[in-house]
């Protein structure tokens, strides 16, 4: 097996040095693709943000506050809740456990409209209104 001479070793890397490709050429090819992918990502994120009146997953603190509010004020657990984003507040459609065995609650549908506003301290100010059977239940209305 023949050994490489010094002259042969230098010619081995001549092709690499003579190549017209460089870091600048790679950047010219990759940079527009990276910018296009970034722009598409920003557009997708922007259009997936909730708009006013969209149903969203409520913040964890709000979910806990709603459950605690109805357990403390009406002594009834929340069976289901739908949260709607309304810019300054959250509008929540709440279903409560119905109790037809209690005479005072026979006409109660067990549905409530809740408006929850987050205070500067991170706590929630909650106001609840009963929903009557034939009333329109439109999100983000006060």
C-alpha atoms as a PDB file:
ATOM      1  CA  UNK A   1       0.000   0.000   0.000  1.00  0.00           C
ATOM      2  CA  UNK A   2       1.478   3.263  -1.068  1.00  0.00           C
ATOM      3  CA  UNK A   3       1.848   6.095   1.351  1.00  0.00           C
ATOM      4  CA  UNK A   4       0.669   9.565   0.538  1.00  0.00           C
ATOM      5  CA  UNK A   5       3.381  12.010  -0.144  1.00  0.00           C
ATOM      6  CA  UNK A   6       3.141  15.583   1.085  1.00  0.00           C
ATOM      7  CA  UNK A   7       2.286  16.726  -2.415  1.00  0.00           C
ATOM      8  CA  UNK A   8      -0.568  14.223  -2.652  1.00  0.00           C
ATOM      9  CA  UNK A   9      -1.962  15.331   0.707  1.00  0.00           C
ATOM     10  CA  UNK A  10      -2.137  18.951  -0.392  1.00  0.00           C
ATOM     11  CA  UNK A  11      -3.933  18.035  -3.648  1.00  0.00           C
ATOM     12  CA  UNK A  12      -6.489  16.016  -1.689  1.00  0.00           C
ATOM     13  CA  UNK A  13      -7.955  19.183  -0.152  1.00  0.00           C
ATOM     14  CA  UNK A  14      -7.614  21.375  -3.246  1.00  0.00           C
ATOM     15  CA  UNK A  15     -11.161  20.574  -4.348  1.00  0.00           C
ATOM     16  CA  UNK A  16     -12.557  21.741  -1.001  1.00  0.00           C
ATOM     17  CA  UNK A  17     -10.682  25.029  -1.184  1.00  0.00           C
ATOM     18  CA  UNK A  18     -11.681  25.610  -4.769  1.00  0.00           C
ATOM     19  CA  UNK A  19     -15.364  25.053  -4.170  1.00  0.00           C
ATOM     20  CA  UNK A  20     -17.569  28.046  -4.922  1.00  0.00           C
ATOM     21  CA  UNK A  21     -19.998  27.116  -2.141  1.00  0.00           C
ATOM     22  CA  UNK A  22     -19.484  29.012   1.036  1.00  0.00           C
ATOM     23  CA  UNK A  23     -21.370  29.985   4.175  1.00  0.00           C
ATOM     24  CA  UNK A  24     -22.789  33.034   2.404  1.00  0.00           C
ATOM     25  CA  UNK A  25     -24.320  30.889  -0.314  1.00  0.00           C
ATOM     26  CA  UNK A  26     -25.888  28.585   2.259  1.00  0.00           C
ATOM     27  CA  UNK A  27     -27.351  31.567   4.099  1.00  0.00           C
ATOM     28  CA  UNK A  28     -28.786  32.918   0.836  1.00  0.00           C
ATOM     29  CA  UNK A  29     -30.587  29.621   0.334  1.00  0.00           C
ATOM     30  CA  UNK A  30     -31.707  28.975   3.914  1.00  0.00           C
ATOM     31  CA  UNK A  31     -32.595  32.489   5.101  1.00  0.00           C
ATOM     32  CA  UNK A  32     -35.635  33.038   2.821  1.00  0.00           C
ATOM     33  CA  UNK A  33     -37.007  29.612   3.754  1.00  0.00           C
ATOM     34  CA  UNK A  34     -36.544  30.326   7.474  1.00  0.00           C
ATOM     35  CA  UNK A  35     -38.237  33.722   7.126  1.00  0.00           C
ATOM     36  CA  UNK A  36     -41.173  32.213   5.226  1.00  0.00           C
ATOM     37  CA  UNK A  37     -41.657  29.491   7.841  1.00  0.00           C
ATOM     38  CA  UNK A  38     -41.473  32.084  10.644  1.00  0.00           C
ATOM     39  CA  UNK A  39     -43.988  34.336   8.904  1.00  0.00           C
ATOM     40  CA  UNK A  40     -46.406  31.459   8.350  1.00  0.00           C
ATOM     41  CA  UNK A  41     -46.052  30.483  12.033  1.00  0.00           C
ATOM     42  CA  UNK A  42     -46.847  34.028  13.183  1.00  0.00           C
ATOM     43  CA  UNK A  43     -49.903  34.185  10.908  1.00  0.00           C
ATOM     44  CA  UNK A  44     -51.197  30.821  12.176  1.00  0.00           C
ATOM     45  CA  UNK A  45     -50.731  31.876  15.820  1.00  0.00           C
ATOM     46  CA  UNK A  46     -52.472  35.211  15.193  1.00  0.00           C
ATOM     47  CA  UNK A  47     -55.530  33.616  13.604  1.00  0.00           C
ATOM     48  CA  UNK A  48     -55.760  30.947  16.313  1.00  0.00           C
ATOM     49  CA  UNK A  49     -56.027  33.519  19.139  1.00  0.00           C
ATOM     50  CA  UNK A  50     -59.509  33.689  20.676  1.00  0.00           C
ATOM     51  CA  UNK A  51     -61.821  36.440  19.498  1.00  0.00           C
ATOM     52  CA  UNK A  52     -64.535  38.089  21.554  1.00  0.00           C
ATOM     53  CA  UNK A  53     -67.318  35.561  22.168  1.00  0.00           C
ATOM     54  CA  UNK A  54     -65.222  32.463  21.413  1.00  0.00           C
ATOM     55  CA  UNK A  55     -65.497  29.485  23.715  1.00  0.00           C
ATOM     56  CA  UNK A  56     -62.193  28.912  25.478  1.00  0.00           C
ATOM     57  CA  UNK A  57     -60.760  26.737  28.194  1.00  0.00           C
ATOM     58  CA  UNK A  58     -61.122  28.828  31.332  1.00  0.00           C
ATOM     59  CA  UNK A  59     -58.098  29.761  33.408  1.00  0.00           C
ATOM     60  CA  UNK A  60     -57.415  27.335  36.269  1.00  0.00           C
ATOM     61  CA  UNK A  61     -57.931  30.025  38.905  1.00  0.00           C
ATOM     62  CA  UNK A  62     -61.324  30.923  37.432  1.00  0.00           C
ATOM     63  CA  UNK A  63     -62.494  27.306  37.353  1.00  0.00           C
ATOM     64  CA  UNK A  64     -61.650  26.918  41.029  1.00  0.00           C
ATOM     65  CA  UNK A  65     -63.285  30.273  41.883  1.00  0.00           C
ATOM     66  CA  UNK A  66     -66.525  29.330  40.080  1.00  0.00           C
ATOM     67  CA  UNK A  67     -66.759  25.980  41.874  1.00  0.00           C
ATOM     68  CA  UNK A  68     -66.022  27.577  45.260  1.00  0.00           C
ATOM     69  CA  UNK A  69     -68.491  30.425  44.628  1.00  0.00           C
ATOM     70  CA  UNK A  70     -71.459  28.125  43.992  1.00  0.00           C
ATOM     71  CA  UNK A  71     -70.547  25.751  46.805  1.00  0.00           C
ATOM     72  CA  UNK A  72     -70.373  28.684  49.242  1.00  0.00           C
ATOM     73  CA  UNK A  73     -73.333  30.780  48.053  1.00  0.00           C
ATOM     74  CA  UNK A  74     -75.864  28.169  46.893  1.00  0.00           C
ATOM     75  CA  UNK A  75     -74.468  24.973  48.428  1.00  0.00           C
ATOM     76  CA  UNK A  76     -74.672  23.317  45.008  1.00  0.00           C
ATOM     77  CA  UNK A  77     -71.873  21.744  42.982  1.00  0.00           C
ATOM     78  CA  UNK A  78     -71.190  22.798  39.397  1.00  0.00           C
ATOM     79  CA  UNK A  79     -72.016  20.012  36.933  1.00  0.00           C
ATOM     80  CA  UNK A  80     -70.742  21.719  33.782  1.00  0.00           C
ATOM     81  CA  UNK A  81     -69.321  25.072  32.736  1.00  0.00           C
ATOM     82  CA  UNK A  82     -68.575  26.704  29.369  1.00  0.00           C
ATOM     83  CA  UNK A  83     -66.169  29.639  29.329  1.00  0.00           C
ATOM     84  CA  UNK A  84     -66.298  32.463  26.768  1.00  0.00           C
ATOM     85  CA  UNK A  85     -63.626  35.102  26.216  1.00  0.00           C
ATOM     86  CA  UNK A  86     -64.978  38.683  26.310  1.00  0.00           C
ATOM     87  CA  UNK A  87     -61.810  40.855  26.361  1.00  0.00           C
ATOM     88  CA  UNK A  88     -62.199  42.509  29.815  1.00  0.00           C
ATOM     89  CA  UNK A  89     -63.998  39.581  31.464  1.00  0.00           C
ATOM     90  CA  UNK A  90     -64.985  35.951  31.073  1.00  0.00           C
ATOM     91  CA  UNK A  91     -68.618  35.027  30.518  1.00  0.00           C
ATOM     92  CA  UNK A  92     -69.454  31.586  31.868  1.00  0.00           C
ATOM     93  CA  UNK A  93     -72.499  29.380  31.262  1.00  0.00           C
ATOM     94  CA  UNK A  94     -72.812  27.224  34.378  1.00  0.00           C
ATOM     95  CA  UNK A  95     -74.970  24.199  35.046  1.00  0.00           C
ATOM     96  CA  UNK A  96     -75.697  23.387  38.670  1.00  0.00           C
ATOM     97  CA  UNK A  97     -76.979  20.249  40.323  1.00  0.00           C
ATOM     98  CA  UNK A  98     -80.793  20.334  40.202  1.00  0.00           C
ATOM     99  CA  UNK A  99     -82.731  19.541  43.361  1.00  0.00           C
ATOM    100  CA  UNK A 100     -86.440  18.991  42.585  1.00  0.00           C
ATOM    101  CA  UNK A 101     -86.953  17.562  46.086  1.00  0.00           C
ATOM    102  CA  UNK A 102     -86.497  21.043  47.608  1.00  0.00           C
ATOM    103  CA  UNK A 103     -89.736  23.040  47.094  1.00  0.00           C
ATOM    104  CA  UNK A 104     -87.945  26.383  46.742  1.00  0.00           C
ATOM    105  CA  UNK A 105     -85.913  25.037  43.818  1.00  0.00           C
ATOM    106  CA  UNK A 106     -88.603  23.254  41.801  1.00  0.00           C
ATOM    107  CA  UNK A 107     -88.785  26.033  39.201  1.00  0.00           C
ATOM    108  CA  UNK A 108     -85.021  26.516  39.154  1.00  0.00           C
ATOM    109  CA  UNK A 109     -83.491  25.265  35.883  1.00  0.00           C
ATOM    110  CA  UNK A 110     -80.056  24.972  37.491  1.00  0.00           C
ATOM    111  CA  UNK A 111     -78.471  27.208  34.849  1.00  0.00           C
ATOM    112  CA  UNK A 112     -76.582  30.401  35.584  1.00  0.00           C
ATOM    113  CA  UNK A 113     -74.848  33.141  33.631  1.00  0.00           C
ATOM    114  CA  UNK A 114     -71.683  34.258  35.342  1.00  0.00           C
ATOM    115  CA  UNK A 115     -69.547  37.290  34.632  1.00  0.00           C
ATOM    116  CA  UNK A 116     -66.052  36.962  36.093  1.00  0.00           C
ATOM    117  CA  UNK A 117     -63.590  39.852  36.178  1.00  0.00           C
ATOM    118  CA  UNK A 118     -60.022  39.315  37.323  1.00  0.00           C
ATOM    119  CA  UNK A 119     -58.813  41.825  39.923  1.00  0.00           C
ATOM    120  CA  UNK A 120     -55.297  43.251  40.047  1.00  0.00           C
ATOM    121  CA  UNK A 121     -54.531  40.896  42.943  1.00  0.00           C
ATOM    122  CA  UNK A 122     -55.332  37.847  40.780  1.00  0.00           C
ATOM    123  CA  UNK A 123     -58.623  37.015  42.515  1.00  0.00           C
ATOM    124  CA  UNK A 124     -61.927  36.854  40.641  1.00  0.00           C
ATOM    125  CA  UNK A 125     -64.981  39.050  41.127  1.00  0.00           C
ATOM    126  CA  UNK A 126     -67.956  36.855  40.256  1.00  0.00           C
ATOM    127  CA  UNK A 127     -71.576  37.852  39.635  1.00  0.00           C
ATOM    128  CA  UNK A 128     -74.258  35.289  38.851  1.00  0.00           C
ATOM    129  CA  UNK A 129     -77.676  35.625  37.189  1.00  0.00           C
ATOM    130  CA  UNK A 130     -80.211  32.757  36.892  1.00  0.00           C
ATOM    131  CA  UNK A 131     -81.251  31.781  33.367  1.00  0.00           C
ATOM    132  CA  UNK A 132     -84.967  31.335  32.805  1.00  0.00           C
ATOM    133  CA  UNK A 133     -86.085  28.561  30.457  1.00  0.00           C
ATOM    134  CA  UNK A 134     -87.133  30.651  27.426  1.00  0.00           C
ATOM    135  CA  UNK A 135     -84.450  33.363  27.694  1.00  0.00           C
ATOM    136  CA  UNK A 136     -81.767  33.737  25.019  1.00  0.00           C
ATOM    137  CA  UNK A 137     -78.392  32.830  26.459  1.00  0.00           C
ATOM    138  CA  UNK A 138     -75.958  34.870  24.332  1.00  0.00           C
ATOM    139  CA  UNK A 139     -72.303  34.977  25.424  1.00  0.00           C
ATOM    140  CA  UNK A 140     -70.610  38.293  26.312  1.00  0.00           C
ATOM    141  CA  UNK A 141     -73.844  40.087  27.214  1.00  0.00           C
ATOM    142  CA  UNK A 142     -74.211  41.714  30.603  1.00  0.00           C
END
